PDB file of N, CA and C in Angstrom:
ATOM      1  N   MET A   1       0.779  -1.243  -0.032  1.00  0.00           N
ATOM      2  CA  MET A   1      -0.131   0.011  -0.049  1.00  0.00           C
ATOM      3  C   MET A   1       0.954   1.173   0.292  1.00  0.00           C
ATOM      4  N   LYS A   2       1.815   1.117   0.913  1.00  0.00           N
ATOM      5  CA  LYS A   2       2.854   2.382   1.013  1.00  0.00           C
ATOM      6  C   LYS A   2       3.269   2.574  -0.586  1.00  0.00           C
ATOM      7  N   LYS A   3       3.848   1.576  -1.532  1.00  0.00           N
ATOM      8  CA  LYS A   3       4.257   2.125  -2.743  1.00  0.00           C
ATOM      9  C   LYS A   3       3.259   2.708  -3.357  1.00  0.00           C
ATOM     10  N   HIS A   4       2.310   2.218  -3.307  1.00  0.00           N
ATOM     11  CA  HIS A   4       1.064   3.136  -4.363  1.00  0.00           C
ATOM     12  C   HIS A   4       0.727   4.317  -3.725  1.00  0.00           C
ATOM     13  N   TYR A   5       1.055   4.696  -2.574  1.00  0.00           N
ATOM     14  CA  TYR A   5       0.889   6.241  -2.210  1.00  0.00           C
ATOM     15  C   TYR A   5       2.113   7.005  -2.465  1.00  0.00           C
ATOM     16  N   TYR A   6       3.279   6.424  -2.597  1.00  0.00           N
ATOM     17  CA  TYR A   6       4.769   7.128  -3.222  1.00  0.00           C
ATOM     18  C   TYR A   6       4.571   6.955  -4.483  1.00  0.00           C
ATOM     19  N   LEU A   7       3.799   6.278  -5.487  1.00  0.00           N
ATOM     20  CA  LEU A   7       3.877   6.543  -6.842  1.00  0.00           C
ATOM     21  C   LEU A   7       2.579   7.727  -7.336  1.00  0.00           C
ATOM     22  N   HIS A   8       1.601   7.957  -6.372  1.00  0.00           N
ATOM     23  CA  HIS A   8       0.637   9.117  -6.455  1.00  0.00           C
ATOM     24  C   HIS A   8       1.524  10.347  -6.142  1.00  0.00           C
ATOM     25  N   PHE A   9       2.267   9.964  -5.048  1.00  0.00           N
ATOM     26  CA  PHE A   9       3.184  11.134  -4.476  1.00  0.00           C
ATOM     27  C   PHE A   9       4.028  11.596  -5.655  1.00  0.00           C
ATOM     28  N   PHE A  10       4.719  10.992  -5.904  1.00  0.00           N
ATOM     29  CA  PHE A  10       5.777  10.808  -7.286  1.00  0.00           C
ATOM     30  C   PHE A  10       5.264  11.875  -8.729  1.00  0.00           C
ATOM     31  N   CYS A  11       3.946  11.022  -8.902  1.00  0.00           N
ATOM     32  CA  CYS A  11       3.195  11.886 -10.330  1.00  0.00           C
ATOM     33  C   CYS A  11       2.800  13.379  -9.868  1.00  0.00           C
ATOM     34  N   PHE A  12       2.064  13.180  -8.758  1.00  0.00           N
ATOM     35  CA  PHE A  12       1.361  14.662  -8.135  1.00  0.00           C
ATOM     36  C   PHE A  12       2.929  15.531  -8.772  1.00  0.00           C
ATOM     37  N   LEU A  13       4.164  15.232  -7.619  1.00  0.00           N
ATOM     38  CA  LEU A  13       5.376  16.437  -7.989  1.00  0.00           C
ATOM     39  C   LEU A  13       5.564  16.705  -9.562  1.00  0.00           C
ATOM     40  N   ILE A  14       5.706  15.243 -10.367  1.00  0.00           N
ATOM     41  CA  ILE A  14       6.370  15.687 -11.600  1.00  0.00           C
ATOM     42  C   ILE A  14       5.076  16.775 -12.207  1.00  0.00           C
ATOM     43  N   LEU A  15       3.562  16.457 -12.191  1.00  0.00           N
ATOM     44  CA  LEU A  15       2.489  17.230 -12.960  1.00  0.00           C
ATOM     45  C   LEU A  15       2.696  18.640 -12.102  1.00  0.00           C
ATOM     46  N   LEU A  16       2.579  18.842 -11.030  1.00  0.00           N
ATOM     47  CA  LEU A  16       2.763  20.191 -10.427  1.00  0.00           C
ATOM     48  C   LEU A  16       4.141  20.997 -11.008  1.00  0.00           C
ATOM     49  N   ASN A  17       5.411  20.172 -11.268  1.00  0.00           N
ATOM     50  CA  ASN A  17       6.404  21.040 -12.163  1.00  0.00           C
ATOM     51  C   ASN A  17       6.392  21.057 -13.405  1.00  0.00           C
ATOM     52  N   CYS A  18       5.350  20.518 -14.095  1.00  0.00           N
ATOM     53  CA  CYS A  18       5.252  20.973 -15.446  1.00  0.00           C
ATOM     54  C   CYS A  18       4.246  22.008 -15.678  1.00  0.00           C
ATOM     55  N   GLY A  19       3.186  22.107 -14.740  1.00  0.00           N
ATOM     56  CA  GLY A  19       2.509  23.084 -14.779  1.00  0.00           C
ATOM     57  C   GLY A  19       3.456  24.609 -14.449  1.00  0.00           C
ATOM     58  N   LYS A  20       4.276  24.321 -13.599  1.00  0.00           N
ATOM     59  CA  LYS A  20       4.936  25.362 -13.206  1.00  0.00           C
ATOM     60  C   LYS A  20       5.865  25.936 -14.220  1.00  0.00           C
ATOM     61  N   GLU A  21       6.668  25.006 -15.130  1.00  0.00           N
ATOM     62  CA  GLU A  21       7.534  25.315 -16.277  1.00  0.00           C
ATOM     63  C   GLU A  21       6.611  25.943 -17.382  1.00  0.00           C
ATOM     64  N   ALA A  22       5.155  25.713 -17.399  1.00  0.00           N
ATOM     65  CA  ALA A  22       4.678  26.172 -18.307  1.00  0.00           C
ATOM     66  C   ALA A  22       4.225  27.083 -18.071  1.00  0.00           C
ATOM     67  N   THR A  23       3.644  27.917 -16.666  1.00  0.00           N
ATOM     68  CA  THR A  23       3.618  29.164 -16.810  1.00  0.00           C
ATOM     69  C   THR A  23       4.550  29.993 -16.587  1.00  0.00           C
ATOM     70  N   GLU A  24       5.819  29.508 -16.277  1.00  0.00           N
ATOM     71  CA  GLU A  24       6.792  30.512 -16.629  1.00  0.00           C
ATOM     72  C   GLU A  24       7.545  30.808 -17.487  1.00  0.00           C
ATOM     73  N   ARG A  25       7.484  29.988 -18.401  1.00  0.00           N
ATOM     74  CA  ARG A  25       8.410  30.044 -19.665  1.00  0.00           C
ATOM     75  C   ARG A  25       7.741  31.560 -20.211  1.00  0.00           C
ATOM     76  N   GLU A  26       8.967  31.691 -21.253  1.00  0.00           N
ATOM     77  CA  GLU A  26       9.211  33.314 -21.423  1.00  0.00           C
ATOM     78  C   GLU A  26       8.946  33.263 -22.569  1.00  0.00           C
ATOM     79  N   THR A  27       7.984  33.730 -23.817  1.00  0.00           N
ATOM     80  CA  THR A  27       7.506  33.755 -24.912  1.00  0.00           C
ATOM     81  C   THR A  27       8.852  34.478 -25.529  1.00  0.00           C
ATOM     82  N   ILE A  28       9.360  33.709 -26.485  1.00  0.00           N
ATOM     83  CA  ILE A  28      10.696  33.865 -27.539  1.00  0.00           C
ATOM     84  C   ILE A  28      10.145  34.376 -28.933  1.00  0.00           C
ATOM     85  N   CYS A  29      10.585  35.315 -29.239  1.00  0.00           N
ATOM     86  CA  CYS A  29       9.917  36.119 -30.555  1.00  0.00           C
ATOM     87  C   CYS A  29      11.337  36.841 -31.524  1.00  0.00           C
ATOM     88  N   TYR A  30      11.040  36.364 -32.871  1.00  0.00           N
ATOM     89  CA  TYR A  30      12.281  36.142 -33.820  1.00  0.00           C
ATOM     90  C   TYR A  30      11.860  37.620 -34.823  1.00  0.00           C
ATOM     91  N   THR A  31      12.587  38.105 -35.251  1.00  0.00           N
ATOM     92  CA  THR A  31      12.487  38.915 -36.485  1.00  0.00           C
ATOM     93  C   THR A  31      12.650  38.527 -37.643  1.00  0.00           C
ATOM     94  N   LEU A  32      11.887  38.789 -38.458  1.00  0.00           N
ATOM     95  CA  LEU A  32      11.810  38.090 -39.747  1.00  0.00           C
ATOM     96  C   LEU A  32      11.420  39.150 -41.116  1.00  0.00           C
ATOM     97  N   THR A  33      12.766  39.518 -41.920  1.00  0.00           N
ATOM     98  CA  THR A  33      13.145  40.550 -42.737  1.00  0.00           C
ATOM     99  C   THR A  33      13.010  39.665 -44.498  1.00  0.00           C
ATOM    100  N   ILE A  34      11.633  40.166 -44.875  1.00  0.00           N
ATOM    101  CA  ILE A  34      11.912  39.965 -46.678  1.00  0.00           C
ATOM    102  C   ILE A  34      11.979  41.123 -47.605  1.00  0.00           C
ATOM    103  N   THR A  35      12.867  41.013 -48.466  1.00  0.00           N
ATOM    104  CA  THR A  35      13.297  41.890 -49.318  1.00  0.00           C
ATOM    105  C   THR A  35      12.960  41.085 -50.873  1.00  0.00           C
ATOM    106  N   SER A  36      13.340  41.827 -51.685  1.00  0.00           N
ATOM    107  CA  SER A  36      13.300  41.204 -53.206  1.00  0.00           C
ATOM    108  C   SER A  36      14.409  42.224 -54.108  1.00  0.00           C
ATOM    109  N   THR A  37      14.884  41.298 -55.134  1.00  0.00           N
ATOM    110  CA  THR A  37      15.780  42.106 -55.896  1.00  0.00           C
ATOM    111  C   THR A  37      14.593  42.595 -57.074  1.00  0.00           C
ATOM    112  N   THR A  38      15.478  43.549 -57.917  1.00  0.00           N
ATOM    113  CA  THR A  38      14.805  44.663 -59.124  1.00  0.00           C
ATOM    114  C   THR A  38      13.911  43.031 -59.575  1.00  0.00           C
ATOM    115  N   GLY A  39      12.925  43.461 -60.485  1.00  0.00           N
ATOM    116  CA  GLY A  39      11.590  42.282 -61.116  1.00  0.00           C
ATOM    117  C   GLY A  39      10.755  41.698 -60.676  1.00  0.00           C
ATOM    118  N   GLY A  40      10.770  42.079 -59.045  1.00  0.00           N
ATOM    119  CA  GLY A  40       9.305  41.465 -58.318  1.00  0.00           C
ATOM    120  C   GLY A  40       9.046  42.029 -57.441  1.00  0.00           C
ATOM    121  N   GLU A  41       8.020  41.338 -56.622  1.00  0.00           N
ATOM    122  CA  GLU A  41       7.772  41.830 -55.133  1.00  0.00           C
ATOM    123  C   GLU A  41       7.167  40.493 -54.417  1.00  0.00           C
ATOM    124  N   VAL A  42       7.369  40.846 -53.111  1.00  0.00           N
ATOM    125  CA  VAL A  42       7.149  39.337 -52.229  1.00  0.00           C
ATOM    126  C   VAL A  42       5.367  40.215 -51.714  1.00  0.00           C
ATOM    127  N   ASN A  43       4.851  39.316 -51.238  1.00  0.00           N
ATOM    128  CA  ASN A  43       3.383  39.593 -50.239  1.00  0.00           C
ATOM    129  C   ASN A  43       3.853  40.292 -48.920  1.00  0.00           C
ATOM    130  N   SER A  44       4.785  40.109 -48.701  1.00  0.00           N
ATOM    131  CA  SER A  44       5.065  40.396 -47.176  1.00  0.00           C
ATOM    132  C   SER A  44       6.484  40.852 -46.907  1.00  0.00           C
ATOM    133  N   ASN A  45       6.565  41.921 -45.694  1.00  0.00           N
ATOM    134  CA  ASN A  45       8.023  42.544 -45.706  1.00  0.00           C
ATOM    135  C   ASN A  45       8.427  41.777 -44.371  1.00  0.00           C
ATOM    136  N   GLY A  46       7.663  40.829 -43.661  1.00  0.00           N
ATOM    137  CA  GLY A  46       8.142  40.305 -42.681  1.00  0.00           C
ATOM    138  C   GLY A  46       7.681  41.025 -40.994  1.00  0.00           C
ATOM    139  N   GLY A  47       8.551  40.949 -40.040  1.00  0.00           N
ATOM    140  CA  GLY A  47       7.531  41.243 -38.984  1.00  0.00           C
ATOM    141  C   GLY A  47       8.352  40.467 -37.705  1.00  0.00           C
ATOM    142  N   TYR A  48       7.664  40.428 -36.908  1.00  0.00           N
ATOM    143  CA  TYR A  48       7.899  40.112 -35.211  1.00  0.00           C
ATOM    144  C   TYR A  48       6.815  38.699 -35.108  1.00  0.00           C
ATOM    145  N   TYR A  49       7.922  37.562 -35.035  1.00  0.00           N
ATOM    146  CA  TYR A  49       7.127  36.588 -34.471  1.00  0.00           C
ATOM    147  C   TYR A  49       7.183  35.496 -33.728  1.00  0.00           C
ATOM    148  N   THR A  50       6.574  34.973 -33.013  1.00  0.00           N
ATOM    149  CA  THR A  50       6.520  33.916 -31.884  1.00  0.00           C
ATOM    150  C   THR A  50       7.409  32.927 -32.417  1.00  0.00           C
ATOM    151  N   GLU A  51       8.201  32.289 -31.699  1.00  0.00           N
ATOM    152  CA  GLU A  51       8.821  31.080 -32.262  1.00  0.00           C
ATOM    153  C   GLU A  51       8.426  29.953 -32.252  1.00  0.00           C
ATOM    154  N   GLY A  52       8.623  29.106 -33.527  1.00  0.00           N
ATOM    155  CA  GLY A  52       7.508  27.940 -34.036  1.00  0.00           C
ATOM    156  C   GLY A  52       6.613  28.648 -34.800  1.00  0.00           C
ATOM    157  N   THR A  53       6.160  29.648 -35.375  1.00  0.00           N
ATOM    158  CA  THR A  53       4.983  30.043 -36.116  1.00  0.00           C
ATOM    159  C   THR A  53       5.377  29.721 -37.359  1.00  0.00           C
ATOM    160  N   GLN A  54       4.391  29.286 -38.444  1.00  0.00           N
ATOM    161  CA  GLN A  54       4.970  28.985 -39.782  1.00  0.00           C
ATOM    162  C   GLN A  54       4.329  30.035 -40.200  1.00  0.00           C
ATOM    163  N   VAL A  55       5.019  30.851 -41.585  1.00  0.00           N
ATOM    164  CA  VAL A  55       4.712  32.398 -42.279  1.00  0.00           C
ATOM    165  C   VAL A  55       4.864  31.485 -43.772  1.00  0.00           C
ATOM    166  N   SER A  56       4.186  31.704 -44.493  1.00  0.00           N
ATOM    167  CA  SER A  56       3.672  31.441 -45.937  1.00  0.00           C
ATOM    168  C   SER A  56       4.435  32.936 -46.657  1.00  0.00           C
ATOM    169  N   ILE A  57       5.068  32.839 -47.978  1.00  0.00           N
ATOM    170  CA  ILE A  57       5.650  34.326 -48.488  1.00  0.00           C
ATOM    171  C   ILE A  57       5.712  33.344 -50.026  1.00  0.00           C
ATOM    172  N   GLN A  58       4.712  34.572 -50.659  1.00  0.00           N
ATOM    173  CA  GLN A  58       4.744  34.282 -52.228  1.00  0.00           C
ATOM    174  C   GLN A  58       5.648  35.817 -53.331  1.00  0.00           C
ATOM    175  N   ALA A  59       6.371  35.079 -53.802  1.00  0.00           N
ATOM    176  CA  ALA A  59       7.147  35.475 -54.641  1.00  0.00           C
ATOM    177  C   ALA A  59       6.807  36.387 -55.887  1.00  0.00           C
ATOM    178  N   THR A  60       6.038  37.682 -56.156  1.00  0.00           N
ATOM    179  CA  THR A  60       5.488  38.054 -57.557  1.00  0.00           C
ATOM    180  C   THR A  60       6.199  38.464 -58.601  1.00  0.00           C
ATOM    181  N   PRO A  61       7.355  37.634 -59.754  1.00  0.00           N
ATOM    182  CA  PRO A  61       7.415  38.692 -60.595  1.00  0.00           C
ATOM    183  C   PRO A  61       7.107  39.713 -61.870  1.00  0.00           C
ATOM    184  N   ASN A  62       6.912  40.628 -61.599  1.00  0.00           N
ATOM    185  CA  ASN A  62       7.103  41.845 -62.877  1.00  0.00           C
ATOM    186  C   ASN A  62       6.836  41.240 -63.994  1.00  0.00           C
ATOM    187  N   ALA A  63       6.296  41.940 -65.190  1.00  0.00           N
ATOM    188  CA  ALA A  63       7.001  41.298 -66.772  1.00  0.00           C
ATOM    189  C   ALA A  63       7.650  41.594 -67.177  1.00  0.00           C
ATOM    190  N   PHE A  64       8.257  40.707 -67.816  1.00  0.00           N
ATOM    191  CA  PHE A  64       9.573  40.002 -68.237  1.00  0.00           C
ATOM    192  C   PHE A  64      10.563  39.828 -67.336  1.00  0.00           C
ATOM    193  N   TYR A  65      10.466  39.329 -66.310  1.00  0.00           N
ATOM    194  CA  TYR A  65      11.132  38.681 -65.058  1.00  0.00           C
ATOM    195  C   TYR A  65      10.514  37.593 -65.127  1.00  0.00           C
ATOM    196  N   GLN A  66      11.668  36.553 -63.910  1.00  0.00           N
ATOM    197  CA  GLN A  66      11.436  35.512 -63.821  1.00  0.00           C
ATOM    198  C   GLN A  66      11.878  35.267 -62.191  1.00  0.00           C
ATOM    199  N   PHE A  67      10.967  34.699 -61.519  1.00  0.00           N
ATOM    200  CA  PHE A  67      11.397  34.030 -59.636  1.00  0.00           C
ATOM    201  C   PHE A  67      12.314  33.279 -60.176  1.00  0.00           C
ATOM    202  N   THR A  68      13.403  33.329 -59.506  1.00  0.00           N
ATOM    203  CA  THR A  68      14.481  32.035 -59.588  1.00  0.00           C
ATOM    204  C   THR A  68      14.903  31.710 -58.423  1.00  0.00           C
ATOM    205  N   GLY A  69      14.390  31.823 -57.114  1.00  0.00           N
ATOM    206  CA  GLY A  69      14.498  31.360 -55.633  1.00  0.00           C
ATOM    207  C   GLY A  69      14.697  32.253 -54.873  1.00  0.00           C
ATOM    208  N   TRP A  70      14.930  31.718 -53.481  1.00  0.00           N
ATOM    209  CA  TRP A  70      15.109  32.824 -52.106  1.00  0.00           C
ATOM    210  C   TRP A  70      16.355  32.789 -51.790  1.00  0.00           C
ATOM    211  N   SER A  71      17.335  33.594 -51.074  1.00  0.00           N
ATOM    212  CA  SER A  71      18.676  33.511 -50.620  1.00  0.00           C
ATOM    213  C   SER A  71      18.857  32.124 -50.039  1.00  0.00           C
ATOM    214  N   ASN A  72      17.686  31.609 -49.321  1.00  0.00           N
ATOM    215  CA  ASN A  72      18.450  30.395 -48.790  1.00  0.00           C
ATOM    216  C   ASN A  72      18.133  29.074 -49.631  1.00  0.00           C
ATOM    217  N   GLY A  73      18.314  29.401 -50.655  1.00  0.00           N
ATOM    218  CA  GLY A  73      18.295  28.291 -51.818  1.00  0.00           C
ATOM    219  C   GLY A  73      17.237  27.800 -52.068  1.00  0.00           C
ATOM    220  N   SER A  74      16.178  27.803 -51.457  1.00  0.00           N
ATOM    221  CA  SER A  74      14.795  27.506 -51.730  1.00  0.00           C
ATOM    222  C   SER A  74      14.043  27.417 -52.865  1.00  0.00           C
ATOM    223  N   THR A  75      13.419  26.944 -53.478  1.00  0.00           N
ATOM    224  CA  THR A  75      12.994  27.440 -55.340  1.00  0.00           C
ATOM    225  C   THR A  75      11.185  27.232 -54.791  1.00  0.00           C
ATOM    226  N   ASP A  76      10.974  27.001 -53.339  1.00  0.00           N
ATOM    227  CA  ASP A  76       9.786  26.751 -53.445  1.00  0.00           C
ATOM    228  C   ASP A  76       9.032  28.534 -53.449  1.00  0.00           C
ATOM    229  N   ASN A  77       7.547  28.609 -54.219  1.00  0.00           N
ATOM    230  CA  ASN A  77       6.887  29.419 -54.227  1.00  0.00           C
ATOM    231  C   ASN A  77       5.488  29.440 -53.976  1.00  0.00           C
ATOM    232  N   PRO A  78       4.656  29.725 -53.178  1.00  0.00           N
ATOM    233  CA  PRO A  78       4.815  29.990 -52.169  1.00  0.00           C
ATOM    234  C   PRO A  78       5.836  29.525 -51.198  1.00  0.00           C
ATOM    235  N   LEU A  79       6.938  29.751 -50.463  1.00  0.00           N
ATOM    236  CA  LEU A  79       8.166  29.294 -49.516  1.00  0.00           C
ATOM    237  C   LEU A  79       6.909  29.263 -47.659  1.00  0.00           C
ATOM    238  N   VAL A  80       7.145  28.377 -47.516  1.00  0.00           N
ATOM    239  CA  VAL A  80       6.620  28.481 -45.880  1.00  0.00           C
ATOM    240  C   VAL A  80       7.758  27.984 -45.215  1.00  0.00           C
ATOM    241  N   ILE A  81       7.909  28.853 -44.370  1.00  0.00           N
ATOM    242  CA  ILE A  81       9.340  28.913 -43.217  1.00  0.00           C
ATOM    243  C   ILE A  81       8.445  28.613 -41.531  1.00  0.00           C
ATOM    244  N   THR A  82       9.291  27.780 -40.899  1.00  0.00           N
ATOM    245  CA  THR A  82       8.986  27.819 -39.623  1.00  0.00           C
ATOM    246  C   THR A  82      10.012  29.077 -38.887  1.00  0.00           C
ATOM    247  N   VAL A  83       9.770  29.599 -38.069  1.00  0.00           N
ATOM    248  CA  VAL A  83      10.558  30.784 -37.774  1.00  0.00           C
ATOM    249  C   VAL A  83      11.269  30.258 -36.093  1.00  0.00           C
ATOM    250  N   ASN A  84      12.311  29.762 -36.259  1.00  0.00           N
ATOM    251  CA  ASN A  84      13.181  29.640 -34.879  1.00  0.00           C
ATOM    252  C   ASN A  84      14.132  30.359 -34.543  1.00  0.00           C
ATOM    253  N   GLY A  85      14.647  31.559 -35.429  1.00  0.00           N
ATOM    254  CA  GLY A  85      15.288  32.359 -35.202  1.00  0.00           C
ATOM    255  C   GLY A  85      15.132  33.466 -36.142  1.00  0.00           C
ATOM    256  N   ASN A  86      16.102  34.940 -35.942  1.00  0.00           N
ATOM    257  CA  ASN A  86      16.171  36.238 -36.806  1.00  0.00           C
ATOM    258  C   ASN A  86      16.641  35.436 -37.840  1.00  0.00           C
ATOM    259  N   LEU A  87      15.497  36.103 -38.977  1.00  0.00           N
ATOM    260  CA  LEU A  87      16.474  35.353 -40.348  1.00  0.00           C
ATOM    261  C   LEU A  87      15.636  36.676 -41.343  1.00  0.00           C
ATOM    262  N   ASN A  88      16.732  36.828 -42.674  1.00  0.00           N
ATOM    263  CA  ASN A  88      16.920  37.717 -43.659  1.00  0.00           C
ATOM    264  C   ASN A  88      16.387  36.810 -44.578  1.00  0.00           C
ATOM    265  N   LEU A  89      15.220  37.401 -45.766  1.00  0.00           N
ATOM    266  CA  LEU A  89      15.081  36.603 -47.013  1.00  0.00           C
ATOM    267  C   LEU A  89      14.908  37.184 -47.873  1.00  0.00           C
ATOM    268  N   ARG A  90      15.602  36.807 -49.226  1.00  0.00           N
ATOM    269  CA  ARG A  90      15.440  37.667 -50.158  1.00  0.00           C
ATOM    270  C   ARG A  90      14.633  37.224 -51.377  1.00  0.00           C
ATOM    271  N   ALA A  91      13.844  37.833 -52.340  1.00  0.00           N
ATOM    272  CA  ALA A  91      13.257  36.757 -53.209  1.00  0.00           C
ATOM    273  C   ALA A  91      14.120  37.103 -54.399  1.00  0.00           C
ATOM    274  N   ASN A  92      14.687  36.231 -55.345  1.00  0.00           N
ATOM    275  CA  ASN A  92      15.577  36.848 -56.400  1.00  0.00           C
ATOM    276  C   ASN A  92      14.776  36.402 -57.907  1.00  0.00           C
ATOM    277  N   PHE A  93      15.112  37.358 -58.445  1.00  0.00           N
ATOM    278  CA  PHE A  93      13.892  37.608 -59.955  1.00  0.00           C
ATOM    279  C   PHE A  93      15.403  37.858 -60.948  1.00  0.00           C
ATOM    280  N   THR A  94      15.311  37.396 -61.976  1.00  0.00           N
ATOM    281  CA  THR A  94      16.390  37.634 -63.517  1.00  0.00           C
ATOM    282  C   THR A  94      15.128  38.364 -64.773  1.00  0.00           C
ATOM    283  N   LYS A  95      15.764  39.223 -65.551  1.00  0.00           N
ATOM    284  CA  LYS A  95      15.056  39.048 -66.549  1.00  0.00           C
ATOM    285  C   LYS A  95      14.714  38.140 -67.391  1.00  0.00           C
ATOM    286  N   LYS A  96      13.857  38.230 -68.288  1.00  0.00           N
ATOM    287  CA  LYS A  96      13.825  36.857 -69.006  1.00  0.00           C
ATOM    288  C   LYS A  96      14.479  36.825 -70.485  1.00  0.00           C
TER     289      LYS A  96
END
């Protein structure tokens, strides 16, 4: 019977500690800066985002230009990123 009591008490302490950590956690935010080269535009300039936020960014080329990729090496368009640190992204366009 004592083992059962200790098990309940141990579980209670774990739950109490987990709840305490969750309420004391600090919200972490990062800056996302989005730019583009000549020849197109992006649908966002970026902003300040909470860690883990997913952001979708669309690059749109002007007439006679084509989208060639992002400064992080991706060619996805739209690009979906998860903000886990400060980030500067540039959409690259070239003349056709």
